[in-house]
Amino acid sequence: MEVKVNQEIREYAESMFFGLSIRQFFFSLLAVITAAVLYFALEDKVGTEMVSWICIAGAVPFAAMGYVKYHGMNCEQLVWVWLRLMVIEPKKYKVRIRNLYEEATRESRAKRQQDSIKEECADRKRRRKRGKLETNEEAEG
């Protein structure tokens, strides 16, 4: 005898009707009822093909509420979080651009720049000394 156990115990859902959980069954039934009401209400006013597309568009949100989970949240929890973030408590996020390469190499570039300045000063001093020596040799000669 083998007992099937879910890998993640929190994902366990008891099947009640037709292999569906109560939540899935309820929202599937609600989707079917919505599609039927839309069909009978619009059958005479719009063509059959258009009514079928309207029925699908009307039933999909209800069907999705029973089956969709995103980050462990049901559809209505997800809608509530979205409303809270975008409508009820919106926040302005300030974007500060950071140049990570510049920050990481700032010290080495500053040191290199100081070294090049020192080298340039030393080079000028050498040229001045050479110039004085050359002028002294010319004066003696």
Protein backbone atom coordinates (compact mmCIF):
# COMPACT_ATOMS: atom_id res chain seq x y z
CA MET A 1 0.00 0.00 0.00
CA GLU A 2 1.38 3.39 -1.02
CA VAL A 3 0.28 6.73 0.42
CA LYS A 4 0.72 9.81 -1.75
CA VAL A 5 2.05 12.81 0.21
CA ASN A 6 2.55 16.29 -1.24
CA GLN A 7 6.12 17.58 -1.21
CA GLU A 8 4.91 20.88 0.20
CA ILE A 9 2.28 20.29 2.86
CA ARG A 10 0.96 23.87 2.59
CA GLU A 11 -0.15 23.23 -0.99
CA TYR A 12 -2.54 20.46 0.07
CA ALA A 13 -6.12 21.05 -1.11
CA GLU A 14 -8.97 18.72 -0.37
CA SER A 15 -11.07 17.69 -3.38
CA MET A 16 -14.79 18.02 -2.81
CA PHE A 17 -16.72 18.16 -6.10
CA PHE A 18 -15.54 16.66 -9.41
CA GLY A 19 -11.91 16.68 -8.24
CA LEU A 20 -12.05 20.41 -7.48
CA SER A 21 -11.65 22.17 -4.18
CA ILE A 22 -14.65 24.07 -2.83
CA ARG A 23 -13.10 27.36 -3.93
CA GLN A 24 -12.46 26.12 -7.49
CA PHE A 25 -15.92 24.58 -7.73
CA PHE A 26 -17.62 27.77 -6.47
CA PHE A 27 -15.79 30.07 -8.91
CA SER A 28 -16.22 27.63 -11.83
CA LEU A 29 -19.95 27.54 -11.13
CA LEU A 30 -20.00 31.35 -10.93
CA ALA A 31 -18.17 31.54 -14.30
CA VAL A 32 -20.70 29.18 -15.94
CA ILE A 33 -23.64 31.16 -14.53
CA THR A 34 -22.10 34.44 -15.75
CA ALA A 35 -21.55 33.02 -19.24
CA ALA A 36 -25.12 31.68 -19.38
CA VAL A 37 -26.63 35.00 -18.26
CA LEU A 38 -24.55 36.92 -20.81
CA TYR A 39 -25.51 34.48 -23.57
CA PHE A 40 -29.26 34.69 -22.96
CA ALA A 41 -29.17 38.47 -22.43
CA LEU A 42 -27.23 39.22 -25.62
CA GLU A 43 -28.31 36.39 -27.95
CA ASP A 44 -30.94 38.44 -29.81
CA LYS A 45 -29.01 41.74 -29.86
CA VAL A 46 -25.59 40.55 -31.12
CA GLY A 47 -24.52 37.76 -33.46
CA THR A 48 -23.71 34.28 -32.12
CA GLU A 49 -19.96 34.61 -32.65
CA MET A 50 -19.80 37.94 -30.83
CA VAL A 51 -21.92 36.57 -27.96
CA SER A 52 -19.54 33.63 -27.54
CA TRP A 53 -16.55 35.99 -27.24
CA ILE A 54 -18.43 38.17 -24.73
CA CYS A 55 -19.31 35.07 -22.70
CA ILE A 56 -15.67 34.01 -22.60
CA ALA A 57 -14.56 37.51 -21.59
CA GLY A 58 -17.20 37.61 -18.86
CA ALA A 59 -16.44 34.15 -17.47
CA VAL A 60 -12.61 34.23 -17.47
CA PRO A 61 -12.21 36.60 -14.48
CA PHE A 62 -14.42 34.42 -12.28
CA ALA A 63 -12.72 31.22 -13.40
CA ALA A 64 -9.31 32.79 -12.75
CA MET A 65 -10.31 33.70 -9.21
CA GLY A 66 -10.70 30.04 -8.37
CA TYR A 67 -7.47 28.76 -9.91
CA VAL A 68 -4.85 31.53 -10.04
CA LYS A 69 -2.29 31.88 -7.26
CA TYR A 70 0.59 34.34 -7.43
CA HIS A 71 3.25 34.33 -4.72
CA GLY A 72 0.92 32.27 -2.56
CA MET A 73 -1.92 34.82 -2.79
CA ASN A 74 -5.38 34.15 -4.14
CA CYS A 75 -6.80 36.44 -6.79
CA GLU A 76 -8.77 38.66 -4.40
CA GLN A 77 -5.74 39.02 -2.12
CA LEU A 78 -3.67 40.01 -5.14
CA VAL A 79 -6.28 42.59 -6.21
CA TRP A 80 -6.35 44.01 -2.67
CA VAL A 81 -2.54 44.31 -2.57
CA TRP A 82 -2.53 46.01 -5.98
CA LEU A 83 -5.25 48.47 -4.90
CA ARG A 84 -3.39 49.23 -1.69
CA LEU A 85 -0.09 49.83 -3.48
CA MET A 86 -1.41 51.80 -6.43
CA VAL A 87 -4.55 53.58 -5.20
CA ILE A 88 -4.94 53.69 -1.42
CA GLU A 89 -1.32 54.18 -0.30
CA PRO A 90 0.70 55.18 -3.36
CA LYS A 91 4.32 56.12 -2.74
CA LYS A 92 6.66 58.13 -4.89
CA TYR A 93 9.86 56.23 -5.36
CA LYS A 94 12.94 58.34 -5.86
CA VAL A 95 15.37 56.79 -8.27
CA ARG A 96 18.98 57.59 -7.56
CA ILE A 97 21.33 56.53 -10.28
CA ARG A 98 24.56 55.02 -9.02
CA ASN A 99 27.59 54.33 -11.13
CA LEU A 100 28.98 51.27 -9.38
CA TYR A 101 32.07 51.14 -11.59
CA GLU A 102 32.94 54.75 -10.73
CA GLU A 103 32.45 54.09 -7.01
CA ALA A 104 34.57 50.96 -7.11
CA THR A 105 37.46 52.56 -8.99
CA ARG A 106 37.38 56.03 -7.41
CA GLU A 107 40.33 55.47 -5.05
CA SER A 108 42.59 53.83 -7.64
CA ARG A 109 41.85 56.56 -10.17
CA ALA A 110 42.59 59.28 -7.58
CA LYS A 111 45.90 57.58 -6.71
CA ARG A 112 46.81 57.24 -10.39
CA GLN A 113 46.00 60.91 -10.93
CA GLN A 114 48.16 61.97 -7.96
CA ASP A 115 51.00 59.78 -9.21
CA SER A 116 50.80 61.30 -12.68
CA ILE A 117 50.82 64.83 -11.17
CA LYS A 118 53.91 63.97 -9.06
CA GLU A 119 55.60 62.45 -12.09
CA GLU A 120 54.83 65.52 -14.18
CA CYS A 121 56.27 67.81 -11.47
CA ALA A 122 59.40 65.68 -11.23
CA ASP A 123 59.73 65.74 -15.00
CA ARG A 124 59.48 69.56 -15.02
CA LYS A 125 62.14 69.80 -12.32
CA ARG A 126 64.45 67.53 -14.38
CA ARG A 127 63.90 69.67 -17.47
CA ARG A 128 64.62 72.84 -15.49
CA LYS A 129 67.85 71.35 -14.12
CA ARG A 130 68.89 70.23 -17.60
CA GLY A 131 68.07 73.65 -18.93
CA LYS A 132 70.19 75.31 -16.19
CA LEU A 133 73.04 72.86 -16.79
CA GLU A 134 72.89 73.50 -20.54
CA THR A 135 72.87 77.26 -20.00
CA ASN A 136 75.82 76.95 -17.55
CA GLU A 137 77.80 74.85 -20.07
CA GLU A 138 77.05 77.37 -22.83
CA ALA A 139 78.13 80.21 -20.56
CA GLU A 140 81.41 78.44 -19.70
CA GLY A 141 82.15 77.42 -23.25
